[in-house]
Amino acid sequence: MQAWQVHENGEPSEVMRLQDVERPTPGDGQVLLRVRAANINFPDVLMCRGHYQVRPPLPFTPGVEICGETEDGRRVLANPALPHGGLAEYAVADAAALLPAPESLDDAEASALHIGYQTGWFGLHRRARLEAGETLLVHAAAGGVGSAAVQLGKAAGATVIGVVGGAEKAVVARELGCDVVIDRRSEDVVSAVKEATAGRGADVIYDPVGGEAYTQSTKVVAFEGRIVVVGFASGTIPSPGLNHALVKNYSILGLHWGLYNTKNPKLVQHCHEQLTELAARGVVKPLVSERAPLDGAAAAVQRVADGVTTGRVVVVPSPENGAAA
């Protein structure tokens, strides 16, 4: 089979190589899956660079999220068991963690209704306890993680403010349903949020960026507000001033979604049922901006690394796999 492999750490376009390799052999409790679609996530970028908390042995195949097909023909969502990731024709995954692919979504869309949406659901509902009528601020609102949070926030009855970088991404954020869109490249984020909220600030702030975005969050978080930290796409990990959190009376909430797979997997299943229902109603639908062939995966991962994409970029190994089953 064909699979992308990383033999040394560095930028994805420089270290990913498409090679002919043997199909992976499932271990105890694992199954072999034919990859129907592989959604690119920022952790794939970080793993290529050697900067992720999980460091698979070299060489490894990136791809932490797929829509796959079991040997008996079932469409499932899975997180492949590294080092045999999803940017390949076949991958292996833990049988107990497989989730049924929503019938309302095609393969590419289904592959993106997992990590990003689970992270959004757990962040907004489990950690921040977002309530209808509250104001939600989403950083990188047109990106893969942010776009999921925007849709989930609107589904929960929140007023959603989206922060984006550039006019093109502002258009995408509006189409996603943001009530207010702020272009950080041409507007002052702090002033714009205060204006949009009549000085009150945002009740919940969803931050997959870190760096300057986190600093802005601390300036616009409302009384008893909650800042949900889900990642550091900017490359800069903030050092919070806890005195500031005390004085302004807000909470800083960390979210590592992967921990729920081992600490409380029943919640992951419950979340998937909620997301499947929302997708069936058309309330949420992953924004797939690009469907790349397998031989274009390295360039696609690099575009995600460079922050020039909107929504989700999905690798579809075979052309017929892009359509609904």
C-alpha atoms as a PDB file:
ATOM      1  CA  MET A   1       0.000   0.000   0.000  1.00  0.00           C
ATOM      2  CA  GLN A   2       0.983   3.656  -0.219  1.00  0.00           C
ATOM      3  CA  ALA A   3       1.601   5.656   2.941  1.00  0.00           C
ATOM      4  CA  TRP A   4       3.231   8.941   3.870  1.00  0.00           C
ATOM      5  CA  GLN A   5       6.124   8.482   6.269  1.00  0.00           C
ATOM      6  CA  VAL A   6       8.210  10.849   8.363  1.00  0.00           C
ATOM      7  CA  HIS A   7      11.821   9.709   8.810  1.00  0.00           C
ATOM      8  CA  GLU A   8      13.091  12.868  10.501  1.00  0.00           C
ATOM      9  CA  ASN A   9      11.446  15.839  12.181  1.00  0.00           C
ATOM     10  CA  GLY A  10      10.908  19.118  10.365  1.00  0.00           C
ATOM     11  CA  GLU A  11       8.389  20.988   8.237  1.00  0.00           C
ATOM     12  CA  PRO A  12       5.778  18.608   6.746  1.00  0.00           C
ATOM     13  CA  SER A  13       6.562  19.434   3.116  1.00  0.00           C
ATOM     14  CA  GLU A  14      10.218  18.649   3.720  1.00  0.00           C
ATOM     15  CA  VAL A  15      10.029  15.482   5.829  1.00  0.00           C
ATOM     16  CA  MET A  16       6.925  13.647   4.569  1.00  0.00           C
ATOM     17  CA  ARG A  17       7.622  11.023   1.883  1.00  0.00           C
ATOM     18  CA  LEU A  18       5.067   8.939  -0.018  1.00  0.00           C
ATOM     19  CA  GLN A  19       6.282   5.330  -0.008  1.00  0.00           C
ATOM     20  CA  ASP A  20       5.192   1.785  -0.763  1.00  0.00           C
ATOM     21  CA  VAL A  21       5.032  -0.109   2.521  1.00  0.00           C
ATOM     22  CA  GLU A  22       3.453  -3.251   3.914  1.00  0.00           C
ATOM     23  CA  ARG A  23      -0.067  -2.996   5.280  1.00  0.00           C
ATOM     24  CA  PRO A  24       0.029  -2.581   9.068  1.00  0.00           C
ATOM     25  CA  THR A  25      -0.811  -5.661  11.117  1.00  0.00           C
ATOM     26  CA  PRO A  26      -3.436  -5.098  13.814  1.00  0.00           C
ATOM     27  CA  GLY A  27      -2.348  -5.875  17.373  1.00  0.00           C
ATOM     28  CA  ASP A  28      -4.511  -7.226  20.166  1.00  0.00           C
ATOM     29  CA  GLY A  29      -7.846  -5.418  20.247  1.00  0.00           C
ATOM     30  CA  GLN A  30      -7.126  -3.577  16.976  1.00  0.00           C
ATOM     31  CA  VAL A  31      -8.689  -3.691  13.519  1.00  0.00           C
ATOM     32  CA  LEU A  32      -7.417  -2.941  10.031  1.00  0.00           C
ATOM     33  CA  LEU A  33      -9.302  -0.113   8.313  1.00  0.00           C
ATOM     34  CA  ARG A  34      -9.341   1.015   4.709  1.00  0.00           C
ATOM     35  CA  VAL A  35      -8.982   4.779   4.820  1.00  0.00           C
ATOM     36  CA  ARG A  36     -11.897   6.486   3.105  1.00  0.00           C
ATOM     37  CA  ALA A  37     -10.920  10.007   4.223  1.00  0.00           C
ATOM     38  CA  ALA A  38      -8.291  11.462   6.569  1.00  0.00           C
ATOM     39  CA  ASN A  39      -8.879  14.861   8.137  1.00  0.00           C
ATOM     40  CA  ILE A  40      -5.718  16.909   8.708  1.00  0.00           C
ATOM     41  CA  ASN A  41      -5.292  18.271  12.228  1.00  0.00           C
ATOM     42  CA  PHE A  42      -2.703  20.637  13.690  1.00  0.00           C
ATOM     43  CA  PRO A  43      -1.287  17.784  15.815  1.00  0.00           C
ATOM     44  CA  ASP A  44      -0.197  16.201  12.512  1.00  0.00           C
ATOM     45  CA  VAL A  45       1.912  19.304  11.910  1.00  0.00           C
ATOM     46  CA  LEU A  46       3.330  19.254  15.426  1.00  0.00           C
ATOM     47  CA  MET A  47       4.197  15.561  15.184  1.00  0.00           C
ATOM     48  CA  CYS A  48       6.100  16.176  11.959  1.00  0.00           C
ATOM     49  CA  ARG A  49       8.046  18.884  13.756  1.00  0.00           C
ATOM     50  CA  GLY A  50       8.573  16.711  16.834  1.00  0.00           C
ATOM     51  CA  HIS A  51       6.743  19.261  19.012  1.00  0.00           C
ATOM     52  CA  TYR A  52       3.650  17.263  19.990  1.00  0.00           C
ATOM     53  CA  GLN A  53       3.139  15.637  23.398  1.00  0.00           C
ATOM     54  CA  VAL A  54       2.865  12.288  21.596  1.00  0.00           C
ATOM     55  CA  ARG A  55       6.074  11.397  19.767  1.00  0.00           C
ATOM     56  CA  PRO A  56       5.673   8.251  17.687  1.00  0.00           C
ATOM     57  CA  PRO A  57       8.869   6.383  16.778  1.00  0.00           C
ATOM     58  CA  LEU A  58      10.464   7.247  13.457  1.00  0.00           C
ATOM     59  CA  PRO A  59       9.460   6.483  10.783  1.00  0.00           C
ATOM     60  CA  PHE A  60       5.753   7.093  11.344  1.00  0.00           C
ATOM     61  CA  THR A  61       2.703   7.890   9.255  1.00  0.00           C
ATOM     62  CA  PRO A  62       0.832  11.078  10.289  1.00  0.00           C
ATOM     63  CA  GLY A  63      -2.942  11.264  10.393  1.00  0.00           C
ATOM     64  CA  VAL A  64      -4.790  11.194  13.710  1.00  0.00           C
ATOM     65  CA  GLU A  65      -8.381  11.208  12.440  1.00  0.00           C
ATOM     66  CA  ILE A  66     -10.102   9.179   9.724  1.00  0.00           C
ATOM     67  CA  CYS A  67     -13.319   7.904   8.305  1.00  0.00           C
ATOM     68  CA  GLY A  68     -12.511   4.295   7.549  1.00  0.00           C
ATOM     69  CA  GLU A  69     -14.114   1.074   6.412  1.00  0.00           C
ATOM     70  CA  THR A  70     -13.970  -2.178   8.340  1.00  0.00           C
ATOM     71  CA  GLU A  71     -13.474  -5.540   6.672  1.00  0.00           C
ATOM     72  CA  ASP A  72     -17.229  -6.155   6.917  1.00  0.00           C
ATOM     73  CA  GLY A  73     -18.003  -2.842   5.162  1.00  0.00           C
ATOM     74  CA  ARG A  74     -18.998  -0.580   8.068  1.00  0.00           C
ATOM     75  CA  ARG A  75     -18.153   3.138   7.862  1.00  0.00           C
ATOM     76  CA  VAL A  76     -16.532   4.217  11.113  1.00  0.00           C
ATOM     77  CA  LEU A  77     -14.690   7.137  12.658  1.00  0.00           C
ATOM     78  CA  ALA A  78     -11.352   6.336  14.245  1.00  0.00           C
ATOM     79  CA  ASN A  79      -8.153   7.729  15.670  1.00  0.00           C
ATOM     80  CA  PRO A  80      -5.486   5.507  14.087  1.00  0.00           C
ATOM     81  CA  ALA A  81      -2.994   3.825  16.376  1.00  0.00           C
ATOM     82  CA  LEU A  82       0.361   5.469  15.724  1.00  0.00           C
ATOM     83  CA  PRO A  83       2.845   4.940  14.157  1.00  0.00           C
ATOM     84  CA  HIS A  84       0.344   3.740  11.517  1.00  0.00           C
ATOM     85  CA  GLY A  85      -1.574   6.981  10.977  1.00  0.00           C
ATOM     86  CA  GLY A  86      -4.313   7.833   8.535  1.00  0.00           C
ATOM     87  CA  LEU A  87      -2.377   9.432   5.663  1.00  0.00           C
ATOM     88  CA  ALA A  88      -2.217   6.057   3.961  1.00  0.00           C
ATOM     89  CA  GLU A  89      -4.465   3.603   2.166  1.00  0.00           C
ATOM     90  CA  TYR A  90      -4.864   1.492   5.306  1.00  0.00           C
ATOM     91  CA  ALA A  91      -4.531   2.166   9.035  1.00  0.00           C
ATOM     92  CA  VAL A  92      -5.098   0.318  12.292  1.00  0.00           C
ATOM     93  CA  ALA A  93      -7.207   1.470  15.227  1.00  0.00           C
ATOM     94  CA  ASP A  94      -8.482   0.215  18.571  1.00  0.00           C
ATOM     95  CA  ALA A  95     -11.693  -1.706  17.973  1.00  0.00           C
ATOM     96  CA  ALA A  96     -13.286  -0.525  21.222  1.00  0.00           C
ATOM     97  CA  ALA A  97     -12.942   3.140  20.267  1.00  0.00           C
ATOM     98  CA  LEU A  98     -14.575   2.968  16.828  1.00  0.00           C
ATOM     99  CA  LEU A  99     -17.596   5.223  16.330  1.00  0.00           C
ATOM    100  CA  PRO A 100     -20.250   4.836  13.609  1.00  0.00           C
ATOM    101  CA  ALA A 101     -19.893   7.406  10.820  1.00  0.00           C
ATOM    102  CA  PRO A 102     -22.995   9.651  10.645  1.00  0.00           C
ATOM    103  CA  GLU A 103     -25.155   8.714   7.675  1.00  0.00           C
ATOM    104  CA  SER A 104     -25.954  12.374   7.017  1.00  0.00           C
ATOM    105  CA  LEU A 105     -22.325  13.188   6.164  1.00  0.00           C
ATOM    106  CA  ASP A 106     -20.082  12.018   3.341  1.00  0.00           C
ATOM    107  CA  ASP A 107     -16.686  10.483   4.086  1.00  0.00           C
ATOM    108  CA  ALA A 108     -14.722  13.733   4.114  1.00  0.00           C
ATOM    109  CA  GLU A 109     -17.275  15.518   6.300  1.00  0.00           C
ATOM    110  CA  ALA A 110     -17.580  12.539   8.643  1.00  0.00           C
ATOM    111  CA  SER A 111     -13.815  12.369   9.130  1.00  0.00           C
ATOM    112  CA  ALA A 112     -13.954  15.940  10.456  1.00  0.00           C
ATOM    113  CA  LEU A 113     -16.821  15.348  12.908  1.00  0.00           C
ATOM    114  CA  HIS A 114     -14.590  13.881  15.545  1.00  0.00           C
ATOM    115  CA  ILE A 115     -11.613  15.530  17.268  1.00  0.00           C
ATOM    116  CA  GLY A 116     -12.480  19.154  16.484  1.00  0.00           C
ATOM    117  CA  TYR A 117     -16.174  18.805  17.287  1.00  0.00           C
ATOM    118  CA  GLN A 118     -15.582  16.601  20.318  1.00  0.00           C
ATOM    119  CA  THR A 119     -13.085  19.187  21.563  1.00  0.00           C
ATOM    120  CA  GLY A 120     -15.634  21.939  20.983  1.00  0.00           C
ATOM    121  CA  TRP A 121     -18.443  20.044  22.684  1.00  0.00           C
ATOM    122  CA  PHE A 122     -16.355  19.140  25.731  1.00  0.00           C
ATOM    123  CA  GLY A 123     -14.855  22.624  25.919  1.00  0.00           C
ATOM    124  CA  LEU A 124     -18.107  24.512  25.659  1.00  0.00           C
ATOM    125  CA  HIS A 125     -20.456  22.177  27.499  1.00  0.00           C
ATOM    126  CA  ARG A 126     -18.392  20.024  29.852  1.00  0.00           C
ATOM    127  CA  ARG A 127     -15.753  22.561  30.876  1.00  0.00           C
ATOM    128  CA  ALA A 128     -17.250  26.035  30.365  1.00  0.00           C
ATOM    129  CA  ARG A 129     -20.928  25.112  30.856  1.00  0.00           C
ATOM    130  CA  LEU A 130     -21.999  27.512  28.113  1.00  0.00           C
ATOM    131  CA  GLU A 131     -25.594  28.660  28.526  1.00  0.00           C
ATOM    132  CA  ALA A 132     -28.097  29.978  26.015  1.00  0.00           C
ATOM    133  CA  GLY A 133     -27.994  33.753  25.849  1.00  0.00           C
ATOM    134  CA  GLU A 134     -24.326  34.013  26.798  1.00  0.00           C
ATOM    135  CA  THR A 135     -21.666  35.523  24.561  1.00  0.00           C
ATOM    136  CA  LEU A 136     -19.019  33.173  23.135  1.00  0.00           C
ATOM    137  CA  LEU A 137     -15.782  34.501  21.642  1.00  0.00           C
ATOM    138  CA  VAL A 138     -13.959  32.119  19.298  1.00  0.00           C
ATOM    139  CA  HIS A 139     -10.386  32.771  18.194  1.00  0.00           C
ATOM    140  CA  ALA A 140      -9.399  31.498  14.713  1.00  0.00           C
ATOM    141  CA  ALA A 141     -13.100  31.168  13.996  1.00  0.00           C
ATOM    142  CA  ALA A 142     -12.642  30.207  10.337  1.00  0.00           C
ATOM    143  CA  GLY A 143     -10.185  27.406  11.076  1.00  0.00           C
ATOM    144  CA  GLY A 144     -10.910  23.732  11.606  1.00  0.00           C
ATOM    145  CA  VAL A 145     -11.170  23.847  15.405  1.00  0.00           C
ATOM    146  CA  GLY A 146     -12.726  27.310  15.534  1.00  0.00           C
ATOM    147  CA  SER A 147     -15.381  26.624  12.903  1.00  0.00           C
ATOM    148  CA  ALA A 148     -16.629  23.651  14.939  1.00  0.00           C
ATOM    149  CA  ALA A 149     -16.851  25.815  18.070  1.00  0.00           C
ATOM    150  CA  VAL A 150     -18.787  28.494  16.185  1.00  0.00           C
ATOM    151  CA  GLN A 151     -21.400  25.995  14.991  1.00  0.00           C
ATOM    152  CA  LEU A 152     -21.694  24.372  18.416  1.00  0.00           C
ATOM    153  CA  GLY A 153     -21.986  27.760  20.090  1.00  0.00           C
ATOM    154  CA  LYS A 154     -24.830  28.800  17.794  1.00  0.00           C
ATOM    155  CA  ALA A 155     -26.513  25.436  18.358  1.00  0.00           C
ATOM    156  CA  ALA A 156     -26.359  26.126  22.104  1.00  0.00           C
ATOM    157  CA  GLY A 157     -28.102  29.483  21.710  1.00  0.00           C
ATOM    158  CA  ALA A 158     -25.069  31.704  22.298  1.00  0.00           C
ATOM    159  CA  THR A 159     -24.205  34.979  20.626  1.00  0.00           C
ATOM    160  CA  VAL A 160     -20.945  34.195  18.817  1.00  0.00           C
ATOM    161  CA  ILE A 161     -18.103  36.619  18.139  1.00  0.00           C
ATOM    162  CA  GLY A 162     -15.496  35.256  15.748  1.00  0.00           C
ATOM    163  CA  VAL A 163     -11.911  36.538  15.504  1.00  0.00           C
ATOM    164  CA  VAL A 164     -10.137  35.821  12.208  1.00  0.00           C
ATOM    165  CA  GLY A 165      -7.033  36.868  10.312  1.00  0.00           C
ATOM    166  CA  GLY A 166      -7.901  38.392   6.935  1.00  0.00           C
ATOM    167  CA  ALA A 167     -10.882  39.417   4.821  1.00  0.00           C
ATOM    168  CA  GLU A 168     -11.279  35.981   3.188  1.00  0.00           C
ATOM    169  CA  LYS A 169     -11.541  34.269   6.558  1.00  0.00           C
ATOM    170  CA  ALA A 170     -13.979  36.945   7.731  1.00  0.00           C
ATOM    171  CA  VAL A 171     -16.352  35.935   4.922  1.00  0.00           C
ATOM    172  CA  VAL A 172     -16.104  32.288   5.992  1.00  0.00           C
ATOM    173  CA  ALA A 173     -16.798  33.177   9.633  1.00  0.00           C
ATOM    174  CA  ARG A 174     -19.933  35.076   8.671  1.00  0.00           C
ATOM    175  CA  GLU A 175     -21.143  32.148   6.576  1.00  0.00           C
ATOM    176  CA  LEU A 176     -20.576  29.870   9.556  1.00  0.00           C
ATOM    177  CA  GLY A 177     -23.039  31.959  11.546  1.00  0.00           C
ATOM    178  CA  CYS A 178     -20.927  34.340  13.633  1.00  0.00           C
ATOM    179  CA  ASP A 179     -23.025  37.240  14.888  1.00  0.00           C
ATOM    180  CA  VAL A 180     -19.980  39.509  14.976  1.00  0.00           C
ATOM    181  CA  VAL A 181     -16.754  39.028  13.034  1.00  0.00           C
ATOM    182  CA  ILE A 182     -13.500  40.783  13.965  1.00  0.00           C
ATOM    183  CA  ASP A 183     -10.531  40.829  11.585  1.00  0.00           C
ATOM    184  CA  ARG A 184      -7.497  41.020  13.854  1.00  0.00           C
ATOM    185  CA  ARG A 185      -5.386  42.267  10.940  1.00  0.00           C
ATOM    186  CA  SER A 186      -7.414  45.428  10.436  1.00  0.00           C
ATOM    187  CA  GLU A 187      -9.208  45.909  13.772  1.00  0.00           C
ATOM    188  CA  ASP A 188      -8.249  46.198  17.403  1.00  0.00           C
ATOM    189  CA  VAL A 189      -9.645  42.996  18.886  1.00  0.00           C
ATOM    190  CA  VAL A 190     -10.009  44.294  22.453  1.00  0.00           C
ATOM    191  CA  SER A 191     -11.824  47.475  21.444  1.00  0.00           C
ATOM    192  CA  ALA A 192     -14.059  45.632  18.982  1.00  0.00           C
ATOM    193  CA  VAL A 193     -15.141  43.015  21.541  1.00  0.00           C
ATOM    194  CA  LYS A 194     -15.872  45.665  24.156  1.00  0.00           C
ATOM    195  CA  GLU A 195     -17.906  47.598  21.635  1.00  0.00           C
ATOM    196  CA  ALA A 196     -19.840  44.529  20.543  1.00  0.00           C
ATOM    197  CA  THR A 197     -20.671  43.615  24.160  1.00  0.00           C
ATOM    198  CA  ALA A 198     -21.347  47.146  25.455  1.00  0.00           C
ATOM    199  CA  GLY A 199     -18.231  46.860  27.616  1.00  0.00           C
ATOM    200  CA  ARG A 200     -19.322  43.669  29.369  1.00  0.00           C
ATOM    201  CA  GLY A 201     -16.979  41.253  27.584  1.00  0.00           C
ATOM    202  CA  ALA A 202     -17.415  37.614  26.581  1.00  0.00           C
ATOM    203  CA  ASP A 203     -18.783  34.984  28.964  1.00  0.00           C
ATOM    204  CA  VAL A 204     -16.863  32.142  27.343  1.00  0.00           C
ATOM    205  CA  ILE A 205     -13.705  32.432  25.259  1.00  0.00           C
ATOM    206  CA  TYR A 206     -12.512  29.502  23.151  1.00  0.00           C
ATOM    207  CA  ASP A 207      -8.804  29.722  22.446  1.00  0.00           C
ATOM    208  CA  PRO A 208      -6.949  27.262  20.200  1.00  0.00           C
ATOM    209  CA  VAL A 209      -4.284  29.886  19.417  1.00  0.00           C
ATOM    210  CA  GLY A 210      -2.489  31.038  22.580  1.00  0.00           C
ATOM    211  CA  GLY A 211       0.082  33.821  22.399  1.00  0.00           C
ATOM    212  CA  GLU A 212      -1.392  37.257  21.727  1.00  0.00           C
ATOM    213  CA  ALA A 213      -4.892  35.778  21.402  1.00  0.00           C
ATOM    214  CA  TYR A 214      -4.768  34.637  25.025  1.00  0.00           C
ATOM    215  CA  THR A 215      -3.574  38.065  26.167  1.00  0.00           C
ATOM    216  CA  GLN A 216      -6.523  39.640  24.353  1.00  0.00           C
ATOM    217  CA  SER A 217      -8.843  37.133  26.012  1.00  0.00           C
ATOM    218  CA  THR A 218      -7.829  38.242  29.502  1.00  0.00           C
ATOM    219  CA  LYS A 219      -8.703  41.827  28.572  1.00  0.00           C
ATOM    220  CA  VAL A 220     -12.198  41.060  27.281  1.00  0.00           C
ATOM    221  CA  VAL A 221     -13.397  38.222  29.519  1.00  0.00           C
ATOM    222  CA  ALA A 222     -16.578  39.075  31.419  1.00  0.00           C
ATOM    223  CA  PHE A 223     -17.190  38.900  35.147  1.00  0.00           C
ATOM    224  CA  GLU A 224     -17.357  35.177  36.015  1.00  0.00           C
ATOM    225  CA  GLY A 225     -16.209  34.463  32.467  1.00  0.00           C
ATOM    226  CA  ARG A 226     -14.397  31.298  31.380  1.00  0.00           C
ATOM    227  CA  ILE A 227     -11.372  31.065  29.099  1.00  0.00           C
ATOM    228  CA  VAL A 228     -11.062  27.586  27.578  1.00  0.00           C
ATOM    229  CA  VAL A 229      -7.489  26.778  26.512  1.00  0.00           C
ATOM    230  CA  VAL A 230      -7.483  24.093  23.801  1.00  0.00           C
ATOM    231  CA  GLY A 231      -4.205  24.635  21.955  1.00  0.00           C
ATOM    232  CA  PHE A 232      -1.358  26.879  20.906  1.00  0.00           C
ATOM    233  CA  ALA A 233      -1.492  27.202  17.125  1.00  0.00           C
ATOM    234  CA  SER A 234       0.474  30.450  17.393  1.00  0.00           C
ATOM    235  CA  GLY A 235       3.425  28.493  18.711  1.00  0.00           C
ATOM    236  CA  THR A 236       3.534  30.588  21.892  1.00  0.00           C
ATOM    237  CA  ILE A 237       2.361  29.102  25.198  1.00  0.00           C
ATOM    238  CA  PRO A 238       1.113  31.879  27.517  1.00  0.00           C
ATOM    239  CA  SER A 239       2.108  32.243  31.155  1.00  0.00           C
ATOM    240  CA  PRO A 240      -1.106  33.347  32.875  1.00  0.00           C
ATOM    241  CA  GLY A 241      -1.037  35.964  35.608  1.00  0.00           C
ATOM    242  CA  LEU A 242      -3.132  34.292  38.291  1.00  0.00           C
ATOM    243  CA  ASN A 243      -3.422  37.575  40.165  1.00  0.00           C
ATOM    244  CA  HIS A 244      -5.258  38.918  37.125  1.00  0.00           C
ATOM    245  CA  ALA A 245      -7.680  35.965  37.160  1.00  0.00           C
ATOM    246  CA  LEU A 246      -8.308  36.641  40.845  1.00  0.00           C
ATOM    247  CA  VAL A 247      -8.878  40.377  40.501  1.00  0.00           C
ATOM    248  CA  LYS A 248     -11.190  40.063  37.471  1.00  0.00           C
ATOM    249  CA  ASN A 249     -12.924  36.942  38.811  1.00  0.00           C
ATOM    250  CA  TYR A 250     -12.615  34.676  35.760  1.00  0.00           C
ATOM    251  CA  SER A 251     -11.685  31.031  35.248  1.00  0.00           C
ATOM    252  CA  ILE A 252      -8.944  29.502  33.097  1.00  0.00           C
ATOM    253  CA  LEU A 253      -9.968  26.027  31.932  1.00  0.00           C
ATOM    254  CA  GLY A 254      -7.648  23.568  30.232  1.00  0.00           C
ATOM    255  CA  LEU A 255      -8.992  20.941  27.858  1.00  0.00           C
ATOM    256  CA  HIS A 256      -7.092  17.858  26.694  1.00  0.00           C
ATOM    257  CA  TRP A 257      -9.827  15.953  24.868  1.00  0.00           C
ATOM    258  CA  GLY A 258      -7.728  12.826  24.369  1.00  0.00           C
ATOM    259  CA  LEU A 259      -7.739  12.163  28.109  1.00  0.00           C
ATOM    260  CA  TYR A 260     -11.445  11.380  28.021  1.00  0.00           C
ATOM    261  CA  ASN A 261     -10.724   8.320  25.867  1.00  0.00           C
ATOM    262  CA  THR A 262      -8.992   6.735  28.840  1.00  0.00           C
ATOM    263  CA  LYS A 263     -10.502   8.579  31.828  1.00  0.00           C
ATOM    264  CA  ASN A 264     -14.167   8.515  30.786  1.00  0.00           C
ATOM    265  CA  PRO A 265     -14.766   6.913  27.362  1.00  0.00           C
ATOM    266  CA  LYS A 266     -18.528   6.752  27.939  1.00  0.00           C
ATOM    267  CA  LEU A 267     -18.598  10.550  27.708  1.00  0.00           C
ATOM    268  CA  VAL A 268     -16.905  10.356  24.292  1.00  0.00           C
ATOM    269  CA  GLN A 269     -19.642   7.995  23.101  1.00  0.00           C
ATOM    270  CA  HIS A 270     -22.329  10.288  24.547  1.00  0.00           C
ATOM    271  CA  CYS A 271     -20.772  13.279  22.820  1.00  0.00           C
ATOM    272  CA  HIS A 272     -20.691  11.416  19.485  1.00  0.00           C
ATOM    273  CA  GLU A 273     -24.394  10.645  19.833  1.00  0.00           C
ATOM    274  CA  GLN A 274     -25.086  14.341  20.428  1.00  0.00           C
ATOM    275  CA  LEU A 275     -22.981  15.374  17.436  1.00  0.00           C
ATOM    276  CA  THR A 276     -24.591  12.755  15.177  1.00  0.00           C
ATOM    277  CA  GLU A 277     -28.018  14.102  16.100  1.00  0.00           C
ATOM    278  CA  LEU A 278     -26.947  17.700  15.439  1.00  0.00           C
ATOM    279  CA  ALA A 279     -25.506  16.651  12.062  1.00  0.00           C
ATOM    280  CA  ALA A 280     -28.699  14.792  11.145  1.00  0.00           C
ATOM    281  CA  ARG A 281     -30.687  17.952  11.877  1.00  0.00           C
ATOM    282  CA  GLY A 282     -28.285  20.000   9.760  1.00  0.00           C
ATOM    283  CA  VAL A 283     -27.367  22.176  12.738  1.00  0.00           C
ATOM    284  CA  VAL A 284     -23.678  21.342  12.417  1.00  0.00           C
ATOM    285  CA  LYS A 285     -21.775  20.345   9.299  1.00  0.00           C
ATOM    286  CA  PRO A 286     -17.979  20.284   9.031  1.00  0.00           C
ATOM    287  CA  LEU A 287     -16.688  22.920   6.649  1.00  0.00           C
ATOM    288  CA  VAL A 288     -14.519  20.932   4.230  1.00  0.00           C
ATOM    289  CA  SER A 289     -12.726  23.544   2.152  1.00  0.00           C
ATOM    290  CA  GLU A 290     -10.497  21.136   0.244  1.00  0.00           C
ATOM    291  CA  ARG A 291     -10.401  17.437  -0.656  1.00  0.00           C
ATOM    292  CA  ALA A 292      -6.853  16.499  -1.566  1.00  0.00           C
ATOM    293  CA  PRO A 293      -5.676  13.265  -3.214  1.00  0.00           C
ATOM    294  CA  LEU A 294      -3.275  11.041  -1.292  1.00  0.00           C
ATOM    295  CA  ASP A 295      -0.269  12.219  -3.313  1.00  0.00           C
ATOM    296  CA  GLY A 296      -1.061  15.805  -2.319  1.00  0.00           C
ATOM    297  CA  ALA A 297      -1.122  15.145   1.424  1.00  0.00           C
ATOM    298  CA  ALA A 298       2.289  16.624   2.297  1.00  0.00           C
ATOM    299  CA  ALA A 299       1.450  19.914   0.604  1.00  0.00           C
ATOM    300  CA  ALA A 300      -1.948  19.920   2.315  1.00  0.00           C
ATOM    301  CA  VAL A 301      -0.439  19.365   5.772  1.00  0.00           C
ATOM    302  CA  GLN A 302       1.999  22.194   5.074  1.00  0.00           C
ATOM    303  CA  ARG A 303      -0.846  24.564   4.185  1.00  0.00           C
ATOM    304  CA  VAL A 304      -2.451  23.760   7.525  1.00  0.00           C
ATOM    305  CA  ALA A 305       0.930  24.400   9.179  1.00  0.00           C
ATOM    306  CA  ASP A 306       1.181  27.773   7.450  1.00  0.00           C
ATOM    307  CA  GLY A 307      -2.274  28.839   8.649  1.00  0.00           C
ATOM    308  CA  VAL A 308      -3.569  29.654   5.169  1.00  0.00           C
ATOM    309  CA  THR A 309      -6.517  27.232   5.150  1.00  0.00           C
ATOM    310  CA  THR A 310     -10.117  27.665   6.213  1.00  0.00           C
ATOM    311  CA  GLY A 311     -12.288  24.961   7.708  1.00  0.00           C
ATOM    312  CA  ARG A 312     -10.940  21.466   7.130  1.00  0.00           C
ATOM    313  CA  VAL A 313      -8.562  20.037   4.552  1.00  0.00           C
ATOM    314  CA  VAL A 314      -9.276  16.338   4.043  1.00  0.00           C
ATOM    315  CA  VAL A 315      -7.159  13.774   2.212  1.00  0.00           C
ATOM    316  CA  VAL A 316      -9.251  11.332   0.180  1.00  0.00           C
ATOM    317  CA  PRO A 317      -7.083   8.361  -0.912  1.00  0.00           C
ATOM    318  CA  SER A 318      -9.469   7.278  -3.716  1.00  0.00           C
ATOM    319  CA  PRO A 319     -11.711   9.636  -5.743  1.00  0.00           C
ATOM    320  CA  GLU A 320     -14.826   7.526  -5.139  1.00  0.00           C
ATOM    321  CA  ASN A 321     -14.367   7.926  -1.399  1.00  0.00           C
ATOM    322  CA  GLY A 322     -15.290  11.607  -1.384  1.00  0.00           C
ATOM    323  CA  ALA A 323     -18.994  10.946  -1.843  1.00  0.00           C
ATOM    324  CA  ALA A 324     -21.506   9.698   0.652  1.00  0.00           C
ATOM    325  CA  ALA A 325     -21.714   5.957   1.090  1.00  0.00           C
END
